[in-house]
Amino acid sequence: EEHRRTFEAFKAALNRGEVRAAEPDAASKTGWRVNAWV
């Protein structure tokens, strides 16, 4: 249940836009930086 709560908190933060799978990054060749942990 603790693992599920951790995931649910992550999912809620993702849905609120507090964490993102990728973010703009001007220093990157593509202009984006992937957040591997997300």
All heavy atoms as atom14 arrays in JSON, in Angstrom:
{
  "sequence": "EEHRRTFEAFKAALNRGEVRAAEPDAASKTGWRVNAWV",
  "atom14_mask": [
    [1, 1, 1, 1, 1, 1, 1, 1, 1, 0, 0, 0, 0, 0],
    [1, 1, 1, 1, 1, 1, 1, 1, 1, 0, 0, 0, 0, 0],
    [1, 1, 1, 1, 1, 1, 1, 1, 1, 1, 0, 0, 0, 0],
    [1, 1, 1, 1, 1, 1, 1, 1, 1, 1, 1, 0, 0, 0],
    [1, 1, 1, 1, 1, 1, 1, 1, 1, 1, 1, 0, 0, 0],
    [1, 1, 1, 1, 1, 1, 1, 0, 0, 0, 0, 0, 0, 0],
    [1, 1, 1, 1, 1, 1, 1, 1, 1, 1, 1, 0, 0, 0],
    [1, 1, 1, 1, 1, 1, 1, 1, 1, 0, 0, 0, 0, 0],
    [1, 1, 1, 1, 1, 0, 0, 0, 0, 0, 0, 0, 0, 0],
    [1, 1, 1, 1, 1, 1, 1, 1, 1, 1, 1, 0, 0, 0],
    [1, 1, 1, 1, 1, 1, 1, 1, 1, 0, 0, 0, 0, 0],
    [1, 1, 1, 1, 1, 0, 0, 0, 0, 0, 0, 0, 0, 0],
    [1, 1, 1, 1, 1, 0, 0, 0, 0, 0, 0, 0, 0, 0],
    [1, 1, 1, 1, 1, 1, 1, 1, 0, 0, 0, 0, 0, 0],
    [1, 1, 1, 1, 1, 1, 1, 1, 0, 0, 0, 0, 0, 0],
    [1, 1, 1, 1, 1, 1, 1, 1, 1, 1, 1, 0, 0, 0],
    [1, 1, 1, 1, 0, 0, 0, 0, 0, 0, 0, 0, 0, 0],
    [1, 1, 1, 1, 1, 1, 1, 1, 1, 0, 0, 0, 0, 0],
    [1, 1, 1, 1, 1, 1, 1, 0, 0, 0, 0, 0, 0, 0],
    [1, 1, 1, 1, 1, 1, 1, 1, 1, 1, 1, 0, 0, 0],
    [1, 1, 1, 1, 1, 0, 0, 0, 0, 0, 0, 0, 0, 0],
    [1, 1, 1, 1, 1, 0, 0, 0, 0, 0, 0, 0, 0, 0],
    [1, 1, 1, 1, 1, 1, 1, 1, 1, 0, 0, 0, 0, 0],
    [1, 1, 1, 1, 1, 1, 1, 0, 0, 0, 0, 0, 0, 0],
    [1, 1, 1, 1, 1, 1, 1, 1, 0, 0, 0, 0, 0, 0],
    [1, 1, 1, 1, 1, 0, 0, 0, 0, 0, 0, 0, 0, 0],
    [1, 1, 1, 1, 1, 0, 0, 0, 0, 0, 0, 0, 0, 0],
    [1, 1, 1, 1, 1, 1, 0, 0, 0, 0, 0, 0, 0, 0],
    [1, 1, 1, 1, 1, 1, 1, 1, 1, 0, 0, 0, 0, 0],
    [1, 1, 1, 1, 1, 1, 1, 0, 0, 0, 0, 0, 0, 0],
    [1, 1, 1, 1, 0, 0, 0, 0, 0, 0, 0, 0, 0, 0],
    [1, 1, 1, 1, 1, 1, 1, 1, 1, 1, 1, 1, 1, 1],
    [1, 1, 1, 1, 1, 1, 1, 1, 1, 1, 1, 0, 0, 0],
    [1, 1, 1, 1, 1, 1, 1, 0, 0, 0, 0, 0, 0, 0],
    [1, 1, 1, 1, 1, 1, 1, 1, 0, 0, 0, 0, 0, 0],
    [1, 1, 1, 1, 1, 0, 0, 0, 0, 0, 0, 0, 0, 0],
    [1, 1, 1, 1, 1, 1, 1, 1, 1, 1, 1, 1, 1, 1],
    [1, 1, 1, 1, 1, 1, 1, 0, 0, 0, 0, 0, 0, 0]
  ],
  "atom14_positions": [
    [[0.83, -1.2, 0.0], [0.0, 0.0, 0.0], [0.87, 1.25, 0.0], [0.55, 2.25, -0.64], [-0.93, -0.01, 1.21], [-1.98, 1.06, 1.16], [-2.87, 1.0, -0.08], [-3.2, -0.11, -0.55], [-3.23, 2.07, -0.6], [0.0, 0.0, 0.0], [0.0, 0.0, 0.0], [0.0, 0.0, 0.0], [0.0, 0.0, 0.0], [0.0, 0.0, 0.0]],
    [[2.0, 1.21, 0.69], [2.92, 2.35, 0.7], [3.47, 2.63, -0.69], [3.57, 3.78, -1.11], [4.08, 2.09, 1.67], [5.03, 3.26, 1.77], [6.17, 3.0, 2.75], [6.08, 2.07, 3.55], [7.15, 3.75, 2.68], [0.0, 0.0, 0.0], [0.0, 0.0, 0.0], [0.0, 0.0, 0.0], [0.0, 0.0, 0.0], [0.0, 0.0, 0.0]],
    [[3.8, 1.58, -1.43], [4.28, 1.75, -2.81], [3.18, 2.39, -3.66], [3.46, 3.28, -4.47], [4.68, 0.41, -3.42], [5.84, -0.22, -2.76], [5.82, -1.55, -2.36], [7.05, 0.25, -2.4], [6.97, -1.85, -1.8], [7.74, -0.78, -1.81], [0.0, 0.0, 0.0], [0.0, 0.0, 0.0], [0.0, 0.0, 0.0], [0.0, 0.0, 0.0]],
    [[1.97, 1.92, -3.48], [0.85, 2.48, -4.26], [0.62, 3.95, -3.92], [0.32, 4.75, -4.8], [-0.41, 1.65, -4.03], [-0.34, 0.3, -4.73], [-1.61, -0.52, -4.55], [-1.49, -1.8, -5.2], [-0.9, -2.87, -4.69], [-0.37, -2.81, -3.49], [-0.84, -4.0, -5.36], [0.0, 0.0, 0.0], [0.0, 0.0, 0.0], [0.0, 0.0, 0.0]],
    [[0.75, 4.31, -2.65], [0.6, 5.72, -2.26], [1.69, 6.58, -2.9], [1.43, 7.7, -3.34], [0.63, 5.86, -0.74], [-0.69, 5.5, -0.08], [-0.74, 5.96, 1.37], [0.3, 5.37, 2.19], [0.21, 4.23, 2.86], [-0.91, 3.53, 2.81], [1.21, 3.79, 3.59], [0.0, 0.0, 0.0], [0.0, 0.0, 0.0], [0.0, 0.0, 0.0]],
    [[2.91, 6.05, -2.94], [4.01, 6.77, -3.58], [3.68, 7.02, -5.05], [3.83, 8.13, -5.56], [5.33, 5.99, -3.46], [5.67, 5.87, -2.08], [6.46, 6.66, -4.22], [0.0, 0.0, 0.0], [0.0, 0.0, 0.0], [0.0, 0.0, 0.0], [0.0, 0.0, 0.0], [0.0, 0.0, 0.0], [0.0, 0.0, 0.0], [0.0, 0.0, 0.0]],
    [[3.2, 5.98, -5.72], [2.84, 6.13, -7.13], [1.67, 7.1, -7.3], [1.69, 7.95, -8.21], [2.51, 4.79, -7.79], [2.03, 4.96, -9.2], [2.92, 5.28, -10.21], [0.69, 4.88, -9.5], [2.48, 5.49, -11.51], [0.23, 5.09, -10.79], [1.13, 5.39, -11.8], [0.0, 0.0, 0.0], [0.0, 0.0, 0.0], [0.0, 0.0, 0.0]],
    [[0.67, 7.0, -6.46], [-0.49, 7.9, -6.56], [-0.09, 9.35, -6.35], [-0.59, 10.25, -7.03], [-1.59, 7.49, -5.58], [-2.3, 6.21, -5.97], [-2.99, 6.27, -7.32], [-3.55, 7.33, -7.66], [-2.96, 5.26, -8.04], [0.0, 0.0, 0.0], [0.0, 0.0, 0.0], [0.0, 0.0, 0.0], [0.0, 0.0, 0.0], [0.0, 0.0, 0.0]],
    [[0.83, 9.6, -5.41], [1.33, 10.97, -5.19], [2.08, 11.45, -6.43], [1.94, 12.61, -6.84], [2.22, 11.01, -3.97], [0.0, 0.0, 0.0], [0.0, 0.0, 0.0], [0.0, 0.0, 0.0], [0.0, 0.0, 0.0], [0.0, 0.0, 0.0], [0.0, 0.0, 0.0], [0.0, 0.0, 0.0], [0.0, 0.0, 0.0], [0.0, 0.0, 0.0]],
    [[2.87, 10.57, -7.02], [3.59, 10.91, -8.25], [2.6, 11.26, -9.36], [2.73, 12.28, -10.04], [4.49, 9.74, -8.68], [4.94, 9.83, -10.1], [5.97, 10.69, -10.46], [4.33, 9.09, -11.09], [6.38, 10.8, -11.77], [4.73, 9.19, -12.41], [5.76, 10.05, -12.75], [0.0, 0.0, 0.0], [0.0, 0.0, 0.0], [0.0, 0.0, 0.0]],
    [[1.6, 10.41, -9.54], [0.62, 10.61, -10.61], [-0.14, 11.93, -10.41], [-0.37, 12.66, -11.37], [-0.35, 9.43, -10.66], [-1.29, 9.48, -11.84], [-2.06, 8.19, -12.01], [-3.15, 8.09, -10.99], [-4.1, 6.99, -11.25], [0.0, 0.0, 0.0], [0.0, 0.0, 0.0], [0.0, 0.0, 0.0], [0.0, 0.0, 0.0], [0.0, 0.0, 0.0]],
    [[-0.49, 12.23, -9.18], [-1.19, 13.48, -8.9], [-0.3, 14.68, -9.23], [-0.77, 15.66, -9.82], [-1.63, 13.52, -7.44], [0.0, 0.0, 0.0], [0.0, 0.0, 0.0], [0.0, 0.0, 0.0], [0.0, 0.0, 0.0], [0.0, 0.0, 0.0], [0.0, 0.0, 0.0], [0.0, 0.0, 0.0], [0.0, 0.0, 0.0], [0.0, 0.0, 0.0]],
    [[0.98, 14.61, -8.87], [1.91, 15.7, -9.18], [2.07, 15.85, -10.7], [2.14, 16.97, -11.22], [3.27, 15.45, -8.52], [0.0, 0.0, 0.0], [0.0, 0.0, 0.0], [0.0, 0.0, 0.0], [0.0, 0.0, 0.0], [0.0, 0.0, 0.0], [0.0, 0.0, 0.0], [0.0, 0.0, 0.0], [0.0, 0.0, 0.0], [0.0, 0.0, 0.0]],
    [[2.09, 14.74, -11.4], [2.19, 14.77, -12.86], [0.94, 15.43, -13.45], [1.04, 16.3, -14.32], [2.36, 13.34, -13.38], [2.66, 13.14, -14.85], [4.0, 13.76, -15.23], [2.67, 11.66, -15.18], [0.0, 0.0, 0.0], [0.0, 0.0, 0.0], [0.0, 0.0, 0.0], [0.0, 0.0, 0.0], [0.0, 0.0, 0.0], [0.0, 0.0, 0.0]],
    [[-0.22, 15.05, -12.96], [-1.48, 15.63, -13.46], [-1.61, 17.11, -13.14], [-2.22, 17.85, -13.91], [-2.67, 14.86, -12.89], [-2.83, 13.5, -13.53], [-2.42, 13.28, -14.66], [-3.42, 12.57, -12.79], [0.0, 0.0, 0.0], [0.0, 0.0, 0.0], [0.0, 0.0, 0.0], [0.0, 0.0, 0.0], [0.0, 0.0, 0.0], [0.0, 0.0, 0.0]],
    [[-1.03, 17.55, -12.04], [-1.06, 18.97, -11.69], [0.01, 19.77, -12.44], [0.05, 20.99, -12.36], [-0.83, 19.15, -10.18], [-1.99, 18.73, -9.32], [-1.81, 19.14, -7.87], [-0.59, 18.62, -7.28], [-0.47, 17.48, -6.6], [-1.53, 16.71, -6.44], [0.68, 17.1, -6.1], [0.0, 0.0, 0.0], [0.0, 0.0, 0.0], [0.0, 0.0, 0.0]],
    [[0.88, 19.08, -13.15], [1.93, 19.76, -13.89], [3.15, 20.13, -13.05], [4.01, 20.87, -13.49], [0.0, 0.0, 0.0], [0.0, 0.0, 0.0], [0.0, 0.0, 0.0], [0.0, 0.0, 0.0], [0.0, 0.0, 0.0], [0.0, 0.0, 0.0], [0.0, 0.0, 0.0], [0.0, 0.0, 0.0], [0.0, 0.0, 0.0], [0.0, 0.0, 0.0]],
    [[3.21, 19.57, -11.84], [4.35, 19.86, -10.96], [5.61, 19.11, -11.39], [6.71, 19.54, -11.09], [4.0, 19.5, -9.52], [2.9, 20.37, -8.96], [2.39, 19.9, -7.62], [2.93, 18.93, -7.06], [1.44, 20.52, -7.13], [0.0, 0.0, 0.0], [0.0, 0.0, 0.0], [0.0, 0.0, 0.0], [0.0, 0.0, 0.0], [0.0, 0.0, 0.0]],
    [[5.43, 17.99, -12.05], [6.55, 17.25, -12.65], [6.22, 17.03, -14.11], [5.04, 16.91, -14.48], [6.83, 15.9, -11.94], [7.26, 16.1, -10.51], [5.64, 14.97, -11.99], [0.0, 0.0, 0.0], [0.0, 0.0, 0.0], [0.0, 0.0, 0.0], [0.0, 0.0, 0.0], [0.0, 0.0, 0.0], [0.0, 0.0, 0.0], [0.0, 0.0, 0.0]],
    [[7.25, 17.0, -14.93], [7.05, 16.85, -16.37], [8.04, 15.83, -16.91], [9.18, 15.76, -16.46], [7.27, 18.18, -17.07], [6.25, 19.24, -16.63], [6.48, 20.55, -17.3], [6.29, 20.41, -18.76], [6.45, 21.4, -19.6], [6.82, 22.58, -19.19], [6.27, 21.21, -20.88], [0.0, 0.0, 0.0], [0.0, 0.0, 0.0], [0.0, 0.0, 0.0]],
    [[7.6, 15.06, -17.89], [8.46, 14.05, -18.51], [9.58, 14.7, -19.31], [10.66, 14.14, -19.44], [7.64, 13.12, -19.4], [0.0, 0.0, 0.0], [0.0, 0.0, 0.0], [0.0, 0.0, 0.0], [0.0, 0.0, 0.0], [0.0, 0.0, 0.0], [0.0, 0.0, 0.0], [0.0, 0.0, 0.0], [0.0, 0.0, 0.0], [0.0, 0.0, 0.0]],
    [[9.33, 15.87, -19.82], [10.35, 16.62, -20.56], [10.11, 18.11, -20.34], [8.98, 18.54, -20.15], [10.29, 16.3, -22.05], [0.0, 0.0, 0.0], [0.0, 0.0, 0.0], [0.0, 0.0, 0.0], [0.0, 0.0, 0.0], [0.0, 0.0, 0.0], [0.0, 0.0, 0.0], [0.0, 0.0, 0.0], [0.0, 0.0, 0.0], [0.0, 0.0, 0.0]],
    [[11.2, 18.86, -20.36], [11.12, 20.31, -20.14], [11.95, 21.03, -21.18], [12.96, 20.51, -21.64], [11.65, 20.65, -18.76], [10.87, 20.01, -17.64], [11.43, 20.37, -16.29], [11.41, 21.56, -15.94], [11.91, 19.46, -15.6], [0.0, 0.0, 0.0], [0.0, 0.0, 0.0], [0.0, 0.0, 0.0], [0.0, 0.0, 0.0], [0.0, 0.0, 0.0]],
    [[11.52, 22.24, -21.54], [12.34, 23.02, -22.47], [13.73, 23.25, -21.89], [13.89, 23.48, -20.69], [11.59, 24.35, -22.58], [10.19, 24.05, -22.16], [10.3, 22.95, -21.15], [0.0, 0.0, 0.0], [0.0, 0.0, 0.0], [0.0, 0.0, 0.0], [0.0, 0.0, 0.0], [0.0, 0.0, 0.0], [0.0, 0.0, 0.0], [0.0, 0.0, 0.0]],
    [[14.73, 23.13, -22.75], [16.13, 23.33, -22.33], [16.89, 23.94, -23.5], [17.23, 23.24, -24.46], [16.74, 22.0, -21.91], [18.17, 22.13, -21.41], [18.73, 23.25, -21.41], [18.73, 21.1, -21.0], [0.0, 0.0, 0.0], [0.0, 0.0, 0.0], [0.0, 0.0, 0.0], [0.0, 0.0, 0.0], [0.0, 0.0, 0.0], [0.0, 0.0, 0.0]],
    [[17.15, 25.22, -23.42], [17.83, 25.92, -24.5], [19.23, 25.39, -24.75], [19.76, 25.49, -25.86], [17.88, 27.41, -24.21], [0.0, 0.0, 0.0], [0.0, 0.0, 0.0], [0.0, 0.0, 0.0], [0.0, 0.0, 0.0], [0.0, 0.0, 0.0], [0.0, 0.0, 0.0], [0.0, 0.0, 0.0], [0.0, 0.0, 0.0], [0.0, 0.0, 0.0]],
    [[19.86, 24.8, -23.74], [21.22, 24.29, -23.9], [21.26, 22.95, -24.63], [22.32, 22.52, -25.09], [21.87, 24.13, -22.52], [0.0, 0.0, 0.0], [0.0, 0.0, 0.0], [0.0, 0.0, 0.0], [0.0, 0.0, 0.0], [0.0, 0.0, 0.0], [0.0, 0.0, 0.0], [0.0, 0.0, 0.0], [0.0, 0.0, 0.0], [0.0, 0.0, 0.0]],
    [[20.12, 22.3, -24.78], [20.06, 21.0, -25.44], [19.98, 21.17, -26.95], [19.39, 22.13, -27.45], [18.84, 20.23, -24.95], [18.63, 19.08, -25.73], [0.0, 0.0, 0.0], [0.0, 0.0, 0.0], [0.0, 0.0, 0.0], [0.0, 0.0, 0.0], [0.0, 0.0, 0.0], [0.0, 0.0, 0.0], [0.0, 0.0, 0.0], [0.0, 0.0, 0.0]],
    [[20.53, 20.22, -27.68], [20.5, 20.25, -29.14], [19.06, 20.23, -29.66], [18.73, 20.89, -30.65], [21.29, 19.07, -29.69], [21.42, 19.04, -31.21], [22.43, 18.03, -31.7], [22.04, 16.63, -31.34], [22.88, 15.61, -32.0], [0.0, 0.0, 0.0], [0.0, 0.0, 0.0], [0.0, 0.0, 0.0], [0.0, 0.0, 0.0], [0.0, 0.0, 0.0]],
    [[18.18, 19.5, -28.98], [16.79, 19.4, -29.41], [15.91, 20.49, -28.82], [14.77, 20.66, -29.23], [16.2, 18.04, -29.01], [16.19, 17.95, -27.57], [16.97, 16.88, -29.61], [0.0, 0.0, 0.0], [0.0, 0.0, 0.0], [0.0, 0.0, 0.0], [0.0, 0.0, 0.0], [0.0, 0.0, 0.0], [0.0, 0.0, 0.0], [0.0, 0.0, 0.0]],
    [[16.43, 21.18, -27.81], [15.64, 22.19, -27.13], [14.82, 21.64, -25.97], [14.08, 22.37, -25.33], [0.0, 0.0, 0.0], [0.0, 0.0, 0.0], [0.0, 0.0, 0.0], [0.0, 0.0, 0.0], [0.0, 0.0, 0.0], [0.0, 0.0, 0.0], [0.0, 0.0, 0.0], [0.0, 0.0, 0.0], [0.0, 0.0, 0.0], [0.0, 0.0, 0.0]],
    [[14.99, 20.34, -25.71], [14.25, 19.69, -24.64], [15.18, 18.83, -23.78], [16.16, 18.3, -24.28], [13.14, 18.8, -25.19], [12.04, 19.58, -25.8], [11.96, 20.02, -27.09], [10.87, 20.05, -25.14], [10.82, 20.74, -27.28], [10.12, 20.77, -26.1], [10.38, 19.93, -23.85], [8.91, 21.36, -25.79], [9.16, 20.53, -23.55], [8.44, 21.23, -24.52]],
    [[14.82, 18.68, -22.52], [15.56, 17.82, -21.59], [14.56, 16.8, -21.04], [13.5, 17.15, -20.52], [16.14, 18.63, -20.44], [16.79, 17.8, -19.36], [17.4, 18.65, -18.26], [16.57, 19.77, -17.84], [15.71, 19.74, -16.83], [15.55, 18.65, -16.13], [15.01, 20.81, -16.51], [0.0, 0.0, 0.0], [0.0, 0.0, 0.0], [0.0, 0.0, 0.0]],
    [[14.9, 15.53, -21.15], [14.05, 14.46, -20.63], [14.35, 14.25, -19.15], [15.5, 14.22, -18.75], [14.29, 13.14, -21.42], [13.53, 11.98, -20.8], [13.92, 13.32, -22.88], [0.0, 0.0, 0.0], [0.0, 0.0, 0.0], [0.0, 0.0, 0.0], [0.0, 0.0, 0.0], [0.0, 0.0, 0.0], [0.0, 0.0, 0.0], [0.0, 0.0, 0.0]],
    [[13.3, 14.12, -18.37], [13.43, 13.78, -16.96], [13.23, 12.27, -16.82], [12.1, 11.79, -16.74], [12.4, 14.54, -16.12], [12.66, 16.02, -16.14], [13.79, 16.47, -16.08], [11.6, 16.81, -16.25], [0.0, 0.0, 0.0], [0.0, 0.0, 0.0], [0.0, 0.0, 0.0], [0.0, 0.0, 0.0], [0.0, 0.0, 0.0], [0.0, 0.0, 0.0]],
    [[14.33, 11.54, -16.82], [14.27, 10.08, -16.84], [13.51, 9.51, -15.65], [12.8, 8.51, -15.78], [15.68, 9.5, -16.9], [0.0, 0.0, 0.0], [0.0, 0.0, 0.0], [0.0, 0.0, 0.0], [0.0, 0.0, 0.0], [0.0, 0.0, 0.0], [0.0, 0.0, 0.0], [0.0, 0.0, 0.0], [0.0, 0.0, 0.0], [0.0, 0.0, 0.0]],
    [[13.62, 10.14, -14.49], [12.92, 9.6, -13.32], [11.41, 9.69, -13.5], [10.67, 8.83, -13.03], [13.37, 10.3, -12.04], [12.82, 11.67, -11.83], [13.34, 12.85, -12.27], [11.63, 12.01, -11.11], [12.55, 13.91, -11.89], [11.48, 13.41, -11.16], [10.67, 11.27, -10.44], [10.43, 14.08, -10.57], [9.61, 11.95, -9.84], [9.5, 13.33, -9.91]],
    [[10.93, 10.7, -14.24], [9.49, 10.83, -14.49], [9.05, 9.72, -15.44], [7.99, 9.11, -15.25], [9.14, 12.23, -15.03], [7.66, 12.32, -15.38], [9.52, 13.3, -14.02], [0.0, 0.0, 0.0], [0.0, 0.0, 0.0], [0.0, 0.0, 0.0], [0.0, 0.0, 0.0], [0.0, 0.0, 0.0], [0.0, 0.0, 0.0], [0.0, 0.0, 0.0]]
  ]
}
